[in-house]
Amino acid sequence: MTKKERFAFVIDWFQHNMPNAETELRYSNPYELLVAVILSAQCTDKRVNIVTPPLFAQYPTPELLAEATFEEVEPFIRSVTFANNKTRHLIGMAQLLTGKFGGEVPDTIEELVELPGVGRKTANVIISVVFDKPGMAVDTHVFRVSARIGLTTRAKTPLQTEQQLVAGIPQELLSVAHHWLILHGRYTCLARKPKCDICGLKLVCKYYKTDMKYIYGE
């Protein structure tokens, strides 16, 4: 099977089985999504969704967050991973957002990555979810799943994974494809024990064919 054929199979399967994939982070505006995605780094969406409601109630705008101190913000997010760093990032992000961008979340990767706590992955999430622009955000799930299936080859960095996925997925599907791969990694293609027995992609999955078929006796 060629890589082009593998991409076609995977895309067709997801379109039929997960047509409306979307982020599981809860938000009501671009600012809230930006905060949530910053908090979600190496942390579960479930945990982020627990801490953000009181945080947003206290700081509903970037202007209010920009004026807050570390001691005021940190208790709201203490239960997330790397809370100290993320507290500084959130305050710094809000200060730059209000000082340079007029309180409006920018719609380009180049501008977004200027904000503290915002890397290329976060920027891609924002442009695709908020602004409906083509973007392939690569987190640990996307990195793992795309390599296991065989959509990427010898990709050693998130950027290399992003470039290979962008080359193989139609531009108009990039945003939803990001969620396909994340959700597949979160609920089926688990890191330690992938659920290959129930996976509809095992027919074309390189990982299954080389490592797992013997376990399932196929």
Protein backbone atom coordinates (compact mmCIF):
# COMPACT_ATOMS: atom_id res chain seq x y z
CA MET A 1 0.00 0.00 0.00
CA THR A 2 1.32 3.42 -0.93
CA LYS A 3 1.24 6.31 1.51
CA LYS A 4 -1.29 8.06 -0.72
CA GLU A 5 -3.60 5.04 -0.51
CA ARG A 6 -3.13 4.88 3.27
CA PHE A 7 -4.07 8.54 3.64
CA ALA A 8 -7.15 8.00 1.45
CA PHE A 9 -8.30 5.03 3.56
CA VAL A 10 -7.75 6.84 6.86
CA ILE A 11 -9.52 10.00 5.71
CA ASP A 12 -12.49 8.02 4.36
CA TRP A 13 -12.77 6.02 7.59
CA PHE A 14 -12.76 9.10 9.78
CA GLN A 15 -15.24 10.93 7.56
CA HIS A 16 -17.69 8.08 8.00
CA ASN A 17 -17.00 7.29 11.65
CA MET A 18 -16.05 10.63 13.20
CA PRO A 19 -17.48 13.31 10.88
CA ASN A 20 -18.00 16.01 13.51
CA ALA A 21 -14.82 15.77 15.56
CA GLU A 22 -14.06 18.89 17.59
CA THR A 23 -12.10 20.07 20.60
CA GLU A 24 -13.22 18.83 24.01
CA LEU A 25 -12.03 22.02 25.70
CA ARG A 26 -14.89 24.24 26.85
CA TYR A 27 -14.79 27.90 25.89
CA SER A 28 -17.08 30.69 24.74
CA ASN A 29 -14.71 33.05 22.91
CA PRO A 30 -11.20 33.12 21.38
CA TYR A 31 -9.59 34.46 24.56
CA GLU A 32 -11.02 31.59 26.63
CA LEU A 33 -9.87 28.98 24.11
CA LEU A 34 -6.39 30.49 24.10
CA VAL A 35 -6.22 30.24 27.89
CA ALA A 36 -7.57 26.69 27.84
CA VAL A 37 -5.08 25.49 25.22
CA ILE A 38 -2.16 27.01 27.13
CA LEU A 39 -3.34 25.18 30.24
CA SER A 40 -3.80 21.91 28.34
CA ALA A 41 -0.10 21.45 27.61
CA GLN A 42 0.81 18.05 29.10
CA CYS A 43 -2.49 18.12 30.99
CA THR A 44 -5.85 16.50 30.30
CA ASP A 45 -8.73 18.43 28.80
CA LYS A 46 -10.88 17.05 31.62
CA ARG A 47 -8.70 18.74 34.23
CA VAL A 48 -8.56 21.99 32.26
CA ASN A 49 -12.35 22.06 31.97
CA ILE A 50 -12.55 21.79 35.75
CA VAL A 51 -10.28 24.75 36.49
CA THR A 52 -11.31 27.19 33.75
CA PRO A 53 -14.90 28.10 34.81
CA PRO A 54 -13.86 29.85 38.05
CA LEU A 55 -10.80 31.31 36.30
CA PHE A 56 -12.95 32.79 33.53
CA ALA A 57 -15.47 34.05 36.06
CA GLN A 58 -12.72 35.95 37.85
CA TYR A 59 -10.89 37.07 34.69
CA PRO A 60 -13.45 37.23 31.86
CA THR A 61 -11.25 39.47 29.71
CA PRO A 62 -7.53 39.63 28.90
CA GLU A 63 -7.46 43.14 30.32
CA LEU A 64 -8.43 41.89 33.77
CA LEU A 65 -6.01 38.97 33.60
CA ALA A 66 -3.20 41.32 32.53
CA GLU A 67 -3.62 43.28 35.75
CA ALA A 68 -3.58 40.22 38.01
CA THR A 69 -0.62 39.08 40.09
CA PHE A 70 0.93 35.63 40.23
CA GLU A 71 -0.44 35.14 43.75
CA GLU A 72 -3.96 35.93 42.54
CA VAL A 73 -3.97 33.65 39.49
CA GLU A 74 -2.00 30.61 40.63
CA PRO A 75 -4.61 29.26 43.09
CA PHE A 76 -7.13 28.95 40.25
CA ILE A 77 -4.89 26.63 38.22
CA ARG A 78 -2.87 24.96 40.96
CA SER A 79 -4.15 21.50 40.03
CA VAL A 80 -2.89 21.58 36.43
CA THR A 81 0.60 20.48 35.42
CA PHE A 82 3.38 23.08 35.64
CA ALA A 83 1.04 25.53 37.34
CA ASN A 84 3.80 28.04 38.21
CA ASN A 85 5.03 28.36 34.62
CA LYS A 86 1.51 28.44 33.22
CA THR A 87 0.51 31.18 35.65
CA ARG A 88 3.36 33.35 34.39
CA HIS A 89 2.49 32.48 30.79
CA LEU A 90 -1.16 33.41 31.22
CA ILE A 91 -0.39 36.78 32.77
CA GLY A 92 2.33 37.51 30.19
CA MET A 93 0.03 36.42 27.36
CA ALA A 94 -2.74 38.71 28.60
CA GLN A 95 -0.35 41.65 28.96
CA LEU A 96 0.98 41.28 25.41
CA LEU A 97 -2.49 40.57 24.05
CA THR A 98 -3.79 43.85 25.47
CA GLY A 99 -0.64 45.88 24.90
CA LYS A 100 0.14 44.86 21.33
CA PHE A 101 -3.04 43.34 19.89
CA GLY A 102 -5.72 45.50 21.47
CA GLY A 103 -7.12 42.62 23.49
CA GLU A 104 -7.98 40.65 20.34
CA VAL A 105 -6.57 37.19 19.69
CA PRO A 106 -4.50 37.40 16.47
CA ASP A 107 -5.32 35.10 13.56
CA THR A 108 -1.85 34.20 12.28
CA ILE A 109 0.67 31.68 13.57
CA GLU A 110 3.44 34.26 13.35
CA GLU A 111 1.63 36.64 15.70
CA LEU A 112 0.26 33.98 18.02
CA VAL A 113 3.67 32.46 18.79
CA GLU A 114 4.80 35.86 20.08
CA LEU A 115 2.52 35.33 23.07
CA PRO A 116 4.03 33.70 26.18
CA GLY A 117 3.02 30.06 26.49
CA VAL A 118 2.01 29.80 22.85
CA GLY A 119 3.97 27.46 20.62
CA ARG A 120 3.22 26.28 17.12
CA LYS A 121 0.83 23.59 18.33
CA THR A 122 -1.28 26.05 20.30
CA ALA A 123 -1.20 28.55 17.44
CA ASN A 124 -2.45 25.92 15.00
CA VAL A 125 -5.31 25.04 17.33
CA ILE A 126 -6.37 28.69 17.53
CA ILE A 127 -6.23 29.42 13.80
CA SER A 128 -8.12 26.25 12.92
CA VAL A 129 -10.77 26.21 15.67
CA VAL A 130 -11.40 29.94 16.03
CA PHE A 131 -10.65 31.29 12.58
CA ASP A 132 -11.42 28.21 10.46
CA LYS A 133 -8.04 28.36 8.76
CA PRO A 134 -6.10 25.26 7.68
CA GLY A 135 -3.94 24.16 10.57
CA MET A 136 -2.49 20.87 11.80
CA ALA A 137 -1.69 21.04 15.50
CA VAL A 138 0.65 18.24 16.54
CA ASP A 139 0.45 17.13 20.15
CA THR A 140 1.62 13.83 21.63
CA HIS A 141 -1.49 12.02 20.37
CA VAL A 142 -1.14 13.26 16.79
CA PHE A 143 2.59 12.54 16.81
CA ARG A 144 2.07 8.97 18.06
CA VAL A 145 -1.00 8.03 16.03
CA SER A 146 0.22 9.37 12.70
CA ALA A 147 3.52 7.49 13.09
CA ARG A 148 1.87 4.25 14.17
CA ILE A 149 -0.59 4.22 11.31
CA GLY A 150 2.13 5.09 8.82
CA LEU A 151 0.91 8.51 7.76
CA THR A 152 4.31 9.88 8.74
CA THR A 153 7.71 8.33 8.15
CA ARG A 154 10.76 8.93 10.34
CA ALA A 155 9.33 12.19 11.66
CA LYS A 156 11.43 13.10 14.68
CA THR A 157 9.84 16.44 15.57
CA PRO A 158 6.29 17.82 15.73
CA LEU A 159 7.13 20.15 12.83
CA GLN A 160 8.20 17.23 10.63
CA THR A 161 4.98 15.43 11.54
CA GLU A 162 2.96 18.54 10.74
CA GLN A 163 4.66 18.94 7.36
CA GLN A 164 4.03 15.33 6.35
CA LEU A 165 0.40 15.42 7.43
CA VAL A 166 -0.21 18.72 5.63
CA ALA A 167 1.27 17.17 2.49
CA GLY A 168 -1.07 14.17 2.65
CA ILE A 169 -4.37 15.66 3.83
CA PRO A 170 -6.51 18.00 1.69
CA GLN A 171 -6.28 21.55 3.00
CA GLU A 172 -10.00 21.81 3.68
CA LEU A 173 -9.82 18.78 6.00
CA LEU A 174 -6.75 19.72 8.01
CA SER A 175 -8.61 21.28 10.92
CA VAL A 176 -10.96 18.36 11.48
CA ALA A 177 -8.17 15.85 10.81
CA HIS A 178 -6.30 17.30 13.77
CA HIS A 179 -9.25 16.37 16.00
CA TRP A 180 -9.62 12.95 14.34
CA LEU A 181 -6.08 12.01 15.28
CA ILE A 182 -6.24 13.50 18.78
CA LEU A 183 -9.48 11.72 19.68
CA HIS A 184 -8.31 8.46 18.13
CA GLY A 185 -5.16 8.66 20.25
CA ARG A 186 -7.11 9.60 23.36
CA TYR A 187 -9.69 6.82 23.21
CA THR A 188 -8.45 4.06 20.87
CA CYS A 189 -4.77 4.24 19.95
CA LEU A 190 -3.61 4.58 23.55
CA ALA A 191 0.07 5.09 24.28
CA ARG A 192 0.66 2.04 26.47
CA LYS A 193 -2.05 -0.34 25.34
CA PRO A 194 -3.69 0.52 22.02
CA LYS A 195 -7.13 -1.00 21.49
CA CYS A 196 -6.24 -2.61 18.18
CA ASP A 197 -9.02 -5.18 18.51
CA ILE A 198 -11.68 -2.50 18.07
CA CYS A 199 -9.79 -0.17 15.74
CA GLY A 200 -11.21 0.32 12.27
CA LEU A 201 -7.84 1.43 10.95
CA LYS A 202 -5.92 -1.76 11.68
CA LEU A 203 -6.34 -2.91 8.08
CA VAL A 204 -3.87 -0.22 6.98
CA CYS A 205 -1.98 0.41 10.23
CA LYS A 206 1.74 -0.28 10.04
CA TYR A 207 2.02 -0.67 13.82
CA TYR A 208 -0.71 -3.31 13.89
CA LYS A 209 0.71 -5.23 10.98
CA THR A 210 4.26 -5.32 12.36
CA ASP A 211 3.83 -5.42 16.15
CA MET A 212 0.29 -6.29 17.19
CA LYS A 213 -1.17 -8.83 14.80
CA TYR A 214 0.57 -11.66 16.59
CA ILE A 215 -1.04 -10.72 19.88
CA TYR A 216 -4.48 -10.93 18.31
CA GLY A 217 -3.65 -14.06 16.33
CA GLU A 218 -4.06 -12.59 12.87
